[in-house]
Amino acid sequence: MAKWLDIKGPVVADTVYADSTLVAKDVSFTLPGIEFLTADVQAMGNMTVPLIGLLENMELSITKIGVDNGLRRMNRLEKQSFEFRWVQNVVKSDGSTAPEGCKAFVRTMPA
């Protein structure tokens, strides 16, 4: 018997918080991917091995059209904690649709 997975729909609304302060609404953002550093091991050929615990530099991108109050808080050259909240519609296994809230937390450091 096949298992049914909920189908995640499009994002309905989103907000961005910087250090617990609302800084932007209706933005598009791309969360960073997690990639491990690798090392090449040479023995009867080359083998690339991931170094667990060491991560590549990660890059977060935020796109906003227009200006929101507090948007300039994101341009500070210091450590910041960002919280991304979004709502999306989800189709359940019985065919009903319900909104689902999601959050992502990111700590940033300037390069």
PDB file of N, CA and C in Angstrom:
ATOM      1  N   MET A   1       0.845  -1.175   0.000  1.00  0.00           N
ATOM      2  CA  MET A   1       0.000   0.000   0.000  1.00  0.00           C
ATOM      3  C   MET A   1       0.888   1.235   0.000  1.00  0.00           C
ATOM      4  N   ALA A   2       0.596   2.154  -0.873  1.00  0.00           N
ATOM      5  CA  ALA A   2       1.410   3.365  -0.990  1.00  0.00           C
ATOM      6  C   ALA A   2       1.105   4.326   0.150  1.00  0.00           C
ATOM      7  N   LYS A   3       2.117   5.010   0.584  1.00  0.00           N
ATOM      8  CA  LYS A   3       1.949   6.028   1.624  1.00  0.00           C
ATOM      9  C   LYS A   3       1.708   7.366   0.947  1.00  0.00           C
ATOM     10  N   TRP A   4       0.891   8.194   1.537  1.00  0.00           N
ATOM     11  CA  TRP A   4       0.573   9.507   0.992  1.00  0.00           C
ATOM     12  C   TRP A   4       1.384  10.554   1.727  1.00  0.00           C
ATOM     13  N   LEU A   5       2.060  11.392   0.976  1.00  0.00           N
ATOM     14  CA  LEU A   5       2.787  12.512   1.566  1.00  0.00           C
ATOM     15  C   LEU A   5       1.993  13.778   1.330  1.00  0.00           C
ATOM     16  N   ASP A   6       1.976  14.653   2.319  1.00  0.00           N
ATOM     17  CA  ASP A   6       1.311  15.941   2.144  1.00  0.00           C
ATOM     18  C   ASP A   6       2.021  16.725   1.056  1.00  0.00           C
ATOM     19  N   ILE A   7       1.247  17.393   0.223  1.00  0.00           N
ATOM     20  CA  ILE A   7       1.807  18.183  -0.870  1.00  0.00           C
ATOM     21  C   ILE A   7       1.930  19.626  -0.403  1.00  0.00           C
ATOM     22  N   LYS A   8       3.157  20.120  -0.383  1.00  0.00           N
ATOM     23  CA  LYS A   8       3.409  21.496   0.041  1.00  0.00           C
ATOM     24  C   LYS A   8       3.122  22.434  -1.125  1.00  0.00           C
ATOM     25  N   GLY A   9       2.266  23.407  -0.892  1.00  0.00           N
ATOM     26  CA  GLY A   9       1.896  24.347  -1.940  1.00  0.00           C
ATOM     27  C   GLY A   9       2.767  25.585  -1.922  1.00  0.00           C
ATOM     28  N   PRO A  10       2.364  26.606  -2.675  1.00  0.00           N
ATOM     29  CA  PRO A  10       3.154  27.834  -2.741  1.00  0.00           C
ATOM     30  C   PRO A  10       3.101  28.609  -1.427  1.00  0.00           C
ATOM     31  N   VAL A  11       4.098  29.442  -1.233  1.00  0.00           N
ATOM     32  CA  VAL A  11       4.161  30.292  -0.045  1.00  0.00           C
ATOM     33  C   VAL A  11       3.130  31.402  -0.190  1.00  0.00           C
ATOM     34  N   VAL A  12       2.321  31.589   0.852  1.00  0.00           N
ATOM     35  CA  VAL A  12       1.256  32.585   0.828  1.00  0.00           C
ATOM     36  C   VAL A  12       1.764  33.934   1.329  1.00  0.00           C
ATOM     37  N   ALA A  13       2.511  33.929   2.424  1.00  0.00           N
ATOM     38  CA  ALA A  13       3.031  35.171   3.002  1.00  0.00           C
ATOM     39  C   ALA A  13       4.301  34.857   3.777  1.00  0.00           C
ATOM     40  N   ASP A  14       5.170  35.873   3.933  1.00  0.00           N
ATOM     41  CA  ASP A  14       6.387  35.663   4.705  1.00  0.00           C
ATOM     42  C   ASP A  14       6.836  36.961   5.352  1.00  0.00           C
ATOM     43  N   THR A  15       7.594  36.801   6.431  1.00  0.00           N
ATOM     44  CA  THR A  15       8.163  37.941   7.144  1.00  0.00           C
ATOM     45  C   THR A  15       9.586  37.593   7.566  1.00  0.00           C
ATOM     46  N   VAL A  16      10.388  38.641   7.805  1.00  0.00           N
ATOM     47  CA  VAL A  16      11.770  38.467   8.258  1.00  0.00           C
ATOM     48  C   VAL A  16      11.961  39.281   9.527  1.00  0.00           C
ATOM     49  N   TYR A  17      12.565  38.649  10.529  1.00  0.00           N
ATOM     50  CA  TYR A  17      12.893  39.319  11.784  1.00  0.00           C
ATOM     51  C   TYR A  17      14.405  39.326  11.949  1.00  0.00           C
ATOM     52  N   ALA A  18      14.961  40.461  12.366  1.00  0.00           N
ATOM     53  CA  ALA A  18      16.383  40.570  12.673  1.00  0.00           C
ATOM     54  C   ALA A  18      16.504  40.898  14.150  1.00  0.00           C
ATOM     55  N   ASP A  19      17.140  40.020  14.897  1.00  0.00           N
ATOM     56  CA  ASP A  19      17.276  40.178  16.346  1.00  0.00           C
ATOM     57  C   ASP A  19      15.925  40.452  16.995  1.00  0.00           C
ATOM     58  N   SER A  20      14.925  39.643  16.644  1.00  0.00           N
ATOM     59  CA  SER A  20      13.561  39.679  17.198  1.00  0.00           C
ATOM     60  C   SER A  20      12.779  40.936  16.842  1.00  0.00           C
ATOM     61  N   THR A  21      13.188  41.678  15.828  1.00  0.00           N
ATOM     62  CA  THR A  21      12.474  42.872  15.377  1.00  0.00           C
ATOM     63  C   THR A  21      12.048  42.671  13.931  1.00  0.00           C
ATOM     64  N   LEU A  22      10.773  42.922  13.636  1.00  0.00           N
ATOM     65  CA  LEU A  22      10.277  42.780  12.275  1.00  0.00           C
ATOM     66  C   LEU A  22      10.982  43.777  11.367  1.00  0.00           C
ATOM     67  N   VAL A  23      11.610  43.282  10.300  1.00  0.00           N
ATOM     68  CA  VAL A  23      12.342  44.171   9.392  1.00  0.00           C
ATOM     69  C   VAL A  23      11.793  44.162   7.976  1.00  0.00           C
ATOM     70  N   ALA A  24      11.073  43.129   7.568  1.00  0.00           N
ATOM     71  CA  ALA A  24      10.577  43.098   6.187  1.00  0.00           C
ATOM     72  C   ALA A  24       9.407  42.133   6.058  1.00  0.00           C
ATOM     73  N   LYS A  25       8.516  42.477   5.137  1.00  0.00           N
ATOM     74  CA  LYS A  25       7.393  41.611   4.780  1.00  0.00           C
ATOM     75  C   LYS A  25       7.442  41.367   3.283  1.00  0.00           C
ATOM     76  N   ASP A  26       6.884  40.256   2.863  1.00  0.00           N
ATOM     77  CA  ASP A  26       6.785  39.911   1.437  1.00  0.00           C
ATOM     78  C   ASP A  26       8.134  39.988   0.728  1.00  0.00           C
ATOM     79  N   VAL A  27       9.082  39.249   1.219  1.00  0.00           N
ATOM     80  CA  VAL A  27      10.409  39.170   0.601  1.00  0.00           C
ATOM     81  C   VAL A  27      10.578  37.776   0.007  1.00  0.00           C
ATOM     82  N   SER A  28      11.534  37.647  -0.872  1.00  0.00           N
ATOM     83  CA  SER A  28      11.913  36.302  -1.314  1.00  0.00           C
ATOM     84  C   SER A  28      13.315  36.047  -0.783  1.00  0.00           C
ATOM     85  N   PHE A  29      13.536  34.848  -0.298  1.00  0.00           N
ATOM     86  CA  PHE A  29      14.840  34.533   0.275  1.00  0.00           C
ATOM     87  C   PHE A  29      15.233  33.120  -0.099  1.00  0.00           C
ATOM     88  N   THR A  30      16.530  32.908  -0.144  1.00  0.00           N
ATOM     89  CA  THR A  30      17.086  31.591  -0.419  1.00  0.00           C
ATOM     90  C   THR A  30      17.951  31.207   0.770  1.00  0.00           C
ATOM     91  N   LEU A  31      17.555  30.156   1.455  1.00  0.00           N
ATOM     92  CA  LEU A  31      18.327  29.705   2.604  1.00  0.00           C
ATOM     93  C   LEU A  31      19.577  28.972   2.129  1.00  0.00           C
ATOM     94  N   PRO A  32      20.657  29.068   2.894  1.00  0.00           N
ATOM     95  CA  PRO A  32      21.912  28.432   2.462  1.00  0.00           C
ATOM     96  C   PRO A  32      21.841  26.914   2.545  1.00  0.00           C
ATOM     97  N   GLY A  33      22.540  26.275   1.631  1.00  0.00           N
ATOM     98  CA  GLY A  33      22.672  24.825   1.671  1.00  0.00           C
ATOM     99  C   GLY A  33      23.835  24.442   2.572  1.00  0.00           C
ATOM    100  N   ILE A  34      23.775  23.266   3.148  1.00  0.00           N
ATOM    101  CA  ILE A  34      24.848  22.799   4.026  1.00  0.00           C
ATOM    102  C   ILE A  34      25.758  21.883   3.219  1.00  0.00           C
ATOM    103  N   GLU A  35      27.009  22.301   3.071  1.00  0.00           N
ATOM    104  CA  GLU A  35      27.987  21.523   2.315  1.00  0.00           C
ATOM    105  C   GLU A  35      29.239  21.343   3.169  1.00  0.00           C
ATOM    106  N   PHE A  36      29.693  20.106   3.269  1.00  0.00           N
ATOM    107  CA  PHE A  36      30.884  19.813   4.061  1.00  0.00           C
ATOM    108  C   PHE A  36      32.145  20.103   3.255  1.00  0.00           C
ATOM    109  N   LEU A  37      33.204  20.536   3.955  1.00  0.00           N
ATOM    110  CA  LEU A  37      34.510  20.636   3.320  1.00  0.00           C
ATOM    111  C   LEU A  37      34.967  19.233   2.947  1.00  0.00           C
ATOM    112  N   THR A  38      35.790  19.147   1.926  1.00  0.00           N
ATOM    113  CA  THR A  38      36.273  17.835   1.495  1.00  0.00           C
ATOM    114  C   THR A  38      37.797  17.817   1.470  1.00  0.00           C
ATOM    115  N   ALA A  39      38.334  16.630   1.548  1.00  0.00           N
ATOM    116  CA  ALA A  39      39.785  16.432   1.453  1.00  0.00           C
ATOM    117  C   ALA A  39      40.035  15.320   0.447  1.00  0.00           C
ATOM    118  N   ASP A  40      41.117  15.452  -0.310  1.00  0.00           N
ATOM    119  CA  ASP A  40      41.505  14.413  -1.263  1.00  0.00           C
ATOM    120  C   ASP A  40      42.500  13.471  -0.600  1.00  0.00           C
ATOM    121  N   VAL A  41      42.186  12.197  -0.617  1.00  0.00           N
ATOM    122  CA  VAL A  41      43.052  11.166  -0.058  1.00  0.00           C
ATOM    123  C   VAL A  41      43.655  10.402  -1.233  1.00  0.00           C
ATOM    124  N   GLN A  42      44.996  10.287  -1.222  1.00  0.00           N
ATOM    125  CA  GLN A  42      45.672   9.604  -2.323  1.00  0.00           C
ATOM    126  C   GLN A  42      46.215   8.265  -1.836  1.00  0.00           C
ATOM    127  N   ALA A  43      45.664   7.210  -2.403  1.00  0.00           N
ATOM    128  CA  ALA A  43      46.140   5.847  -2.139  1.00  0.00           C
ATOM    129  C   ALA A  43      45.551   4.974  -3.237  1.00  0.00           C
ATOM    130  N   MET A  44      46.385   4.531  -4.148  1.00  0.00           N
ATOM    131  CA  MET A  44      45.925   3.754  -5.300  1.00  0.00           C
ATOM    132  C   MET A  44      44.864   4.536  -6.083  1.00  0.00           C
ATOM    133  N   GLY A  45      45.069   5.834  -6.204  1.00  0.00           N
ATOM    134  CA  GLY A  45      44.106   6.716  -6.876  1.00  0.00           C
ATOM    135  C   GLY A  45      43.695   7.834  -5.939  1.00  0.00           C
ATOM    136  N   ASN A  46      42.763   8.641  -6.364  1.00  0.00           N
ATOM    137  CA  ASN A  46      42.277   9.747  -5.540  1.00  0.00           C
ATOM    138  C   ASN A  46      40.859   9.459  -5.062  1.00  0.00           C
ATOM    139  N   MET A  47      40.608   9.826  -3.815  1.00  0.00           N
ATOM    140  CA  MET A  47      39.274   9.692  -3.258  1.00  0.00           C
ATOM    141  C   MET A  47      38.968  10.974  -2.495  1.00  0.00           C
ATOM    142  N   THR A  48      37.824  11.563  -2.758  1.00  0.00           N
ATOM    143  CA  THR A  48      37.409  12.770  -2.062  1.00  0.00           C
ATOM    144  C   THR A  48      36.518  12.372  -0.894  1.00  0.00           C
ATOM    145  N   VAL A  49      36.890  12.825   0.301  1.00  0.00           N
ATOM    146  CA  VAL A  49      36.189  12.446   1.524  1.00  0.00           C
ATOM    147  C   VAL A  49      35.641  13.705   2.188  1.00  0.00           C
ATOM    148  N   PRO A  50      34.358  13.710   2.592  1.00  0.00           N
ATOM    149  CA  PRO A  50      33.834  14.868   3.320  1.00  0.00           C
ATOM    150  C   PRO A  50      34.399  14.919   4.735  1.00  0.00           C
ATOM    151  N   LEU A  51      34.705  16.121   5.196  1.00  0.00           N
ATOM    152  CA  LEU A  51      35.200  16.319   6.561  1.00  0.00           C
ATOM    153  C   LEU A  51      34.007  16.694   7.436  1.00  0.00           C
ATOM    154  N   ILE A  52      33.477  15.709   8.123  1.00  0.00           N
ATOM    155  CA  ILE A  52      32.290  15.925   8.944  1.00  0.00           C
ATOM    156  C   ILE A  52      32.632  16.910  10.064  1.00  0.00           C
ATOM    157  N   GLY A  53      31.789  17.914  10.235  1.00  0.00           N
ATOM    158  CA  GLY A  53      32.018  18.919  11.268  1.00  0.00           C
ATOM    159  C   GLY A  53      32.588  20.211  10.730  1.00  0.00           C
ATOM    160  N   LEU A  54      33.164  20.186   9.518  1.00  0.00           N
ATOM    161  CA  LEU A  54      33.685  21.400   8.894  1.00  0.00           C
ATOM    162  C   LEU A  54      32.796  21.751   7.706  1.00  0.00           C
ATOM    163  N   LEU A  55      32.268  22.964   7.702  1.00  0.00           N
ATOM    164  CA  LEU A  55      31.322  23.372   6.668  1.00  0.00           C
ATOM    165  C   LEU A  55      31.919  24.421   5.748  1.00  0.00           C
ATOM    166  N   GLU A  56      31.486  24.410   4.496  1.00  0.00           N
ATOM    167  CA  GLU A  56      31.838  25.467   3.549  1.00  0.00           C
ATOM    168  C   GLU A  56      31.163  26.760   4.002  1.00  0.00           C
ATOM    169  N   ASN A  57      31.655  27.905   3.503  1.00  0.00           N
ATOM    170  CA  ASN A  57      30.981  29.165   3.761  1.00  0.00           C
ATOM    171  C   ASN A  57      29.589  29.107   3.160  1.00  0.00           C
ATOM    172  N   MET A  58      28.619  29.612   3.891  1.00  0.00           N
ATOM    173  CA  MET A  58      27.242  29.580   3.423  1.00  0.00           C
ATOM    174  C   MET A  58      26.785  30.995   3.109  1.00  0.00           C
ATOM    175  N   GLU A  59      25.945  31.120   2.109  1.00  0.00           N
ATOM    176  CA  GLU A  59      25.485  32.432   1.669  1.00  0.00           C
ATOM    177  C   GLU A  59      23.964  32.464   1.658  1.00  0.00           C
ATOM    178  N   LEU A  60      23.412  33.482   2.282  1.00  0.00           N
ATOM    179  CA  LEU A  60      21.976  33.698   2.355  1.00  0.00           C
ATOM    180  C   LEU A  60      21.635  34.865   1.447  1.00  0.00           C
ATOM    181  N   SER A  61      20.593  34.739   0.644  1.00  0.00           N
ATOM    182  CA  SER A  61      20.207  35.874  -0.198  1.00  0.00           C
ATOM    183  C   SER A  61      18.769  36.266   0.106  1.00  0.00           C
ATOM    184  N   ILE A  62      18.550  37.577   0.198  1.00  0.00           N
ATOM    185  CA  ILE A  62      17.227  38.139   0.475  1.00  0.00           C
ATOM    186  C   ILE A  62      16.938  39.167  -0.608  1.00  0.00           C
ATOM    187  N   THR A  63      15.764  39.076  -1.225  1.00  0.00           N
ATOM    188  CA  THR A  63      15.375  40.019  -2.272  1.00  0.00           C
ATOM    189  C   THR A  63      14.103  40.729  -1.836  1.00  0.00           C
ATOM    190  N   LYS A  64      14.117  42.045  -1.904  1.00  0.00           N
ATOM    191  CA  LYS A  64      12.958  42.846  -1.505  1.00  0.00           C
ATOM    192  C   LYS A  64      12.739  43.941  -2.531  1.00  0.00           C
ATOM    193  N   ILE A  65      11.508  44.098  -2.977  1.00  0.00           N
ATOM    194  CA  ILE A  65      11.146  45.208  -3.858  1.00  0.00           C
ATOM    195  C   ILE A  65      10.475  46.255  -2.986  1.00  0.00           C
ATOM    196  N   GLY A  66      10.978  47.470  -3.017  1.00  0.00           N
ATOM    197  CA  GLY A  66      10.449  48.524  -2.164  1.00  0.00           C
ATOM    198  C   GLY A  66      11.168  48.543  -0.826  1.00  0.00           C
ATOM    199  N   VAL A  67      10.643  49.326   0.110  1.00  0.00           N
ATOM    200  CA  VAL A  67      11.287  49.499   1.411  1.00  0.00           C
ATOM    201  C   VAL A  67      10.266  49.242   2.508  1.00  0.00           C
ATOM    202  N   ASP A  68      10.661  48.504   3.522  1.00  0.00           N
ATOM    203  CA  ASP A  68       9.858  48.306   4.723  1.00  0.00           C
ATOM    204  C   ASP A  68      10.526  49.053   5.865  1.00  0.00           C
ATOM    205  N   ASN A  69       9.732  49.410   6.879  1.00  0.00           N
ATOM    206  CA  ASN A  69      10.321  50.015   8.072  1.00  0.00           C
ATOM    207  C   ASN A  69      11.227  48.995   8.741  1.00  0.00           C
ATOM    208  N   GLY A  70      12.429  49.388   9.063  1.00  0.00           N
ATOM    209  CA  GLY A  70      13.364  48.493   9.729  1.00  0.00           C
ATOM    210  C   GLY A  70      14.230  47.677   8.795  1.00  0.00           C
ATOM    211  N   LEU A  71      14.035  47.821   7.487  1.00  0.00           N
ATOM    212  CA  LEU A  71      14.827  47.044   6.529  1.00  0.00           C
ATOM    213  C   LEU A  71      16.313  47.384   6.630  1.00  0.00           C
ATOM    214  N   ARG A  72      16.627  48.599   6.998  1.00  0.00           N
ATOM    215  CA  ARG A  72      18.040  49.007   7.094  1.00  0.00           C
ATOM    216  C   ARG A  72      18.770  48.286   8.228  1.00  0.00           C
ATOM    217  N   ARG A  73      18.031  47.712   9.185  1.00  0.00           N
ATOM    218  CA  ARG A  73      18.676  46.952  10.271  1.00  0.00           C
ATOM    219  C   ARG A  73      19.453  45.759   9.738  1.00  0.00           C
ATOM    220  N   MET A  74      19.074  45.269   8.566  1.00  0.00           N
ATOM    221  CA  MET A  74      19.738  44.100   8.000  1.00  0.00           C
ATOM    222  C   MET A  74      21.106  44.435   7.435  1.00  0.00           C
ATOM    223  N   ASN A  75      21.411  45.706   7.230  1.00  0.00           N
ATOM    224  CA  ASN A  75      22.672  46.116   6.608  1.00  0.00           C
ATOM    225  C   ASN A  75      23.795  46.360   7.606  1.00  0.00           C
ATOM    226  N   ARG A  76      23.566  46.082   8.866  1.00  0.00           N
ATOM    227  CA  ARG A  76      24.617  46.298   9.862  1.00  0.00           C
ATOM    228  C   ARG A  76      25.741  45.290   9.677  1.00  0.00           C
ATOM    229  N   LEU A  77      26.975  45.739   9.806  1.00  0.00           N
ATOM    230  CA  LEU A  77      28.134  44.852   9.668  1.00  0.00           C
ATOM    231  C   LEU A  77      28.522  44.277  11.025  1.00  0.00           C
ATOM    232  N   GLU A  78      27.655  43.456  11.561  1.00  0.00           N
ATOM    233  CA  GLU A  78      27.905  42.780  12.824  1.00  0.00           C
ATOM    234  C   GLU A  78      27.097  41.488  12.848  1.00  0.00           C
ATOM    235  N   LYS A  79      27.346  40.654  13.846  1.00  0.00           N
ATOM    236  CA  LYS A  79      26.595  39.403  13.955  1.00  0.00           C
ATOM    237  C   LYS A  79      25.115  39.713  14.124  1.00  0.00           C
ATOM    238  N   GLN A  80      24.288  38.930  13.438  1.00  0.00           N
ATOM    239  CA  GLN A  80      22.849  39.104  13.568  1.00  0.00           C
ATOM    240  C   GLN A  80      22.171  37.742  13.572  1.00  0.00           C
ATOM    241  N   SER A  81      21.022  37.701  14.200  1.00  0.00           N
ATOM    242  CA  SER A  81      20.185  36.506  14.163  1.00  0.00           C
ATOM    243  C   SER A  81      18.937  36.835  13.360  1.00  0.00           C
ATOM    244  N   PHE A  82      18.699  36.069  12.307  1.00  0.00           N
ATOM    245  CA  PHE A  82      17.523  36.264  11.470  1.00  0.00           C
ATOM    246  C   PHE A  82      16.534  35.134  11.716  1.00  0.00           C
ATOM    247  N   GLU A  83      15.276  35.494  11.685  1.00  0.00           N
ATOM    248  CA  GLU A  83      14.204  34.506  11.766  1.00  0.00           C
ATOM    249  C   GLU A  83      13.296  34.721  10.561  1.00  0.00           C
ATOM    250  N   PHE A  84      13.110  33.687   9.783  1.00  0.00           N
ATOM    251  CA  PHE A  84      12.240  33.743   8.615  1.00  0.00           C
ATOM    252  C   PHE A  84      10.978  32.964   8.943  1.00  0.00           C
ATOM    253  N   ARG A  85       9.825  33.587   8.725  1.00  0.00           N
ATOM    254  CA  ARG A  85       8.546  32.916   8.955  1.00  0.00           C
ATOM    255  C   ARG A  85       7.752  32.953   7.659  1.00  0.00           C
ATOM    256  N   TRP A  86       7.145  31.838   7.313  1.00  0.00           N
ATOM    257  CA  TRP A  86       6.299  31.831   6.126  1.00  0.00           C
ATOM    258  C   TRP A  86       5.128  30.877   6.323  1.00  0.00           C
ATOM    259  N   VAL A  87       4.075  31.131   5.555  1.00  0.00           N
ATOM    260  CA  VAL A  87       2.866  30.316   5.578  1.00  0.00           C
ATOM    261  C   VAL A  87       2.666  29.756   4.184  1.00  0.00           C
ATOM    262  N   GLN A  88       2.358  28.472   4.116  1.00  0.00           N
ATOM    263  CA  GLN A  88       2.081  27.860   2.820  1.00  0.00           C
ATOM    264  C   GLN A  88       0.876  26.943   2.957  1.00  0.00           C
ATOM    265  N   ASN A  89       0.175  26.736   1.862  1.00  0.00           N
ATOM    266  CA  ASN A  89      -0.966  25.825   1.852  1.00  0.00           C
ATOM    267  C   ASN A  89      -0.469  24.403   1.637  1.00  0.00           C
ATOM    268  N   VAL A  90      -1.062  23.472   2.373  1.00  0.00           N
ATOM    269  CA  VAL A  90      -0.673  22.069   2.295  1.00  0.00           C
ATOM    270  C   VAL A  90      -1.913  21.238   1.980  1.00  0.00           C
ATOM    271  N   VAL A  91      -1.797  20.342   0.997  1.00  0.00           N
ATOM    272  CA  VAL A  91      -2.879  19.421   0.665  1.00  0.00           C
ATOM    273  C   VAL A  91      -2.653  18.142   1.471  1.00  0.00           C
ATOM    274  N   LYS A  92      -3.621  17.810   2.327  1.00  0.00           N
ATOM    275  CA  LYS A  92      -3.523  16.632   3.198  1.00  0.00           C
ATOM    276  C   LYS A  92      -3.910  15.364   2.437  1.00  0.00           C
ATOM    277  N   SER A  93      -3.719  14.220   3.068  1.00  0.00           N
ATOM    278  CA  SER A  93      -3.996  12.933   2.425  1.00  0.00           C
ATOM    279  C   SER A  93      -5.473  12.730   2.114  1.00  0.00           C
ATOM    280  N   ASP A  94      -6.359  13.404   2.855  1.00  0.00           N
ATOM    281  CA  ASP A  94      -7.793  13.265   2.582  1.00  0.00           C
ATOM    282  C   ASP A  94      -8.300  14.277   1.554  1.00  0.00           C
ATOM    283  N   GLY A  95      -7.399  15.079   0.981  1.00  0.00           N
ATOM    284  CA  GLY A  95      -7.781  16.057  -0.038  1.00  0.00           C
ATOM    285  C   GLY A  95      -8.079  17.439   0.503  1.00  0.00           C
ATOM    286  N   SER A  96      -8.118  17.588   1.814  1.00  0.00           N
ATOM    287  CA  SER A  96      -8.380  18.906   2.394  1.00  0.00           C
ATOM    288  C   SER A  96      -7.120  19.771   2.322  1.00  0.00           C
ATOM    289  N   THR A  97      -7.333  21.073   2.342  1.00  0.00           N
ATOM    290  CA  THR A  97      -6.226  22.027   2.297  1.00  0.00           C
ATOM    291  C   THR A  97      -6.185  22.797   3.609  1.00  0.00           C
ATOM    292  N   ALA A  98      -4.993  22.967   4.153  1.00  0.00           N
ATOM    293  CA  ALA A  98      -4.836  23.702   5.404  1.00  0.00           C
ATOM    294  C   ALA A  98      -3.560  24.532   5.338  1.00  0.00           C
ATOM    295  N   PRO A  99      -3.575  25.719   5.961  1.00  0.00           N
ATOM    296  CA  PRO A  99      -2.339  26.506   6.009  1.00  0.00           C
ATOM    297  C   PRO A  99      -1.365  25.894   7.015  1.00  0.00           C
ATOM    298  N   GLU A 100      -0.071  26.030   6.716  1.00  0.00           N
ATOM    299  CA  GLU A 100       0.971  25.503   7.599  1.00  0.00           C
ATOM    300  C   GLU A 100       2.024  26.576   7.796  1.00  0.00           C
ATOM    301  N   GLY A 101       2.359  26.866   9.044  1.00  0.00           N
ATOM    302  CA  GLY A 101       3.380  27.858   9.347  1.00  0.00           C
ATOM    303  C   GLY A 101       4.749  27.214   9.481  1.00  0.00           C
ATOM    304  N   CYS A 102       5.769  27.877   8.971  1.00  0.00           N
ATOM    305  CA  CYS A 102       7.140  27.367   9.018  1.00  0.00           C
ATOM    306  C   CYS A 102       8.074  28.467   9.506  1.00  0.00           C
ATOM    307  N   LYS A 103       9.195  28.063  10.112  1.00  0.00           N
ATOM    308  CA  LYS A 103      10.210  29.011  10.574  1.00  0.00           C
ATOM    309  C   LYS A 103      11.590  28.477  10.228  1.00  0.00           C
ATOM    310  N   ALA A 104      12.502  29.407   9.985  1.00  0.00           N
ATOM    311  CA  ALA A 104      13.913  29.060   9.807  1.00  0.00           C
ATOM    312  C   ALA A 104      14.732  30.098  10.561  1.00  0.00           C
ATOM    313  N   PHE A 105      15.766  29.645  11.265  1.00  0.00           N
ATOM    314  CA  PHE A 105      16.619  30.535  12.044  1.00  0.00           C
ATOM    315  C   PHE A 105      18.024  30.512  11.452  1.00  0.00           C
ATOM    316  N   VAL A 106      18.599  31.701  11.253  1.00  0.00           N
ATOM    317  CA  VAL A 106      19.931  31.824  10.666  1.00  0.00           C
ATOM    318  C   VAL A 106      20.723  32.842  11.473  1.00  0.00           C
ATOM    319  N   ARG A 107      21.961  32.493  11.835  1.00  0.00           N
ATOM    320  CA  ARG A 107      22.876  33.457  12.462  1.00  0.00           C
ATOM    321  C   ARG A 107      23.907  33.839  11.422  1.00  0.00           C
ATOM    322  N   THR A 108      24.126  35.133  11.265  1.00  0.00           N
ATOM    323  CA  THR A 108      25.047  35.602  10.231  1.00  0.00           C
ATOM    324  C   THR A 108      26.229  36.335  10.847  1.00  0.00           C
ATOM    325  N   MET A 109      27.343  36.291  10.131  1.00  0.00           N
ATOM    326  CA  MET A 109      28.547  37.045  10.480  1.00  0.00           C
ATOM    327  C   MET A 109      29.062  37.684   9.206  1.00  0.00           C
ATOM    328  N   PRO A 110      29.424  38.963   9.252  1.00  0.00           N
ATOM    329  CA  PRO A 110      29.954  39.593   8.036  1.00  0.00           C
ATOM    330  C   PRO A 110      31.307  39.002   7.662  1.00  0.00           C
ATOM    331  N   ALA A 111      31.570  38.971   6.370  1.00  0.00           N
ATOM    332  CA  ALA A 111      32.834  38.403   5.885  1.00  0.00           C
ATOM    333  C   ALA A 111      33.971  39.375   6.057  1.00  0.00           C
TER     334      ALA A 111
END
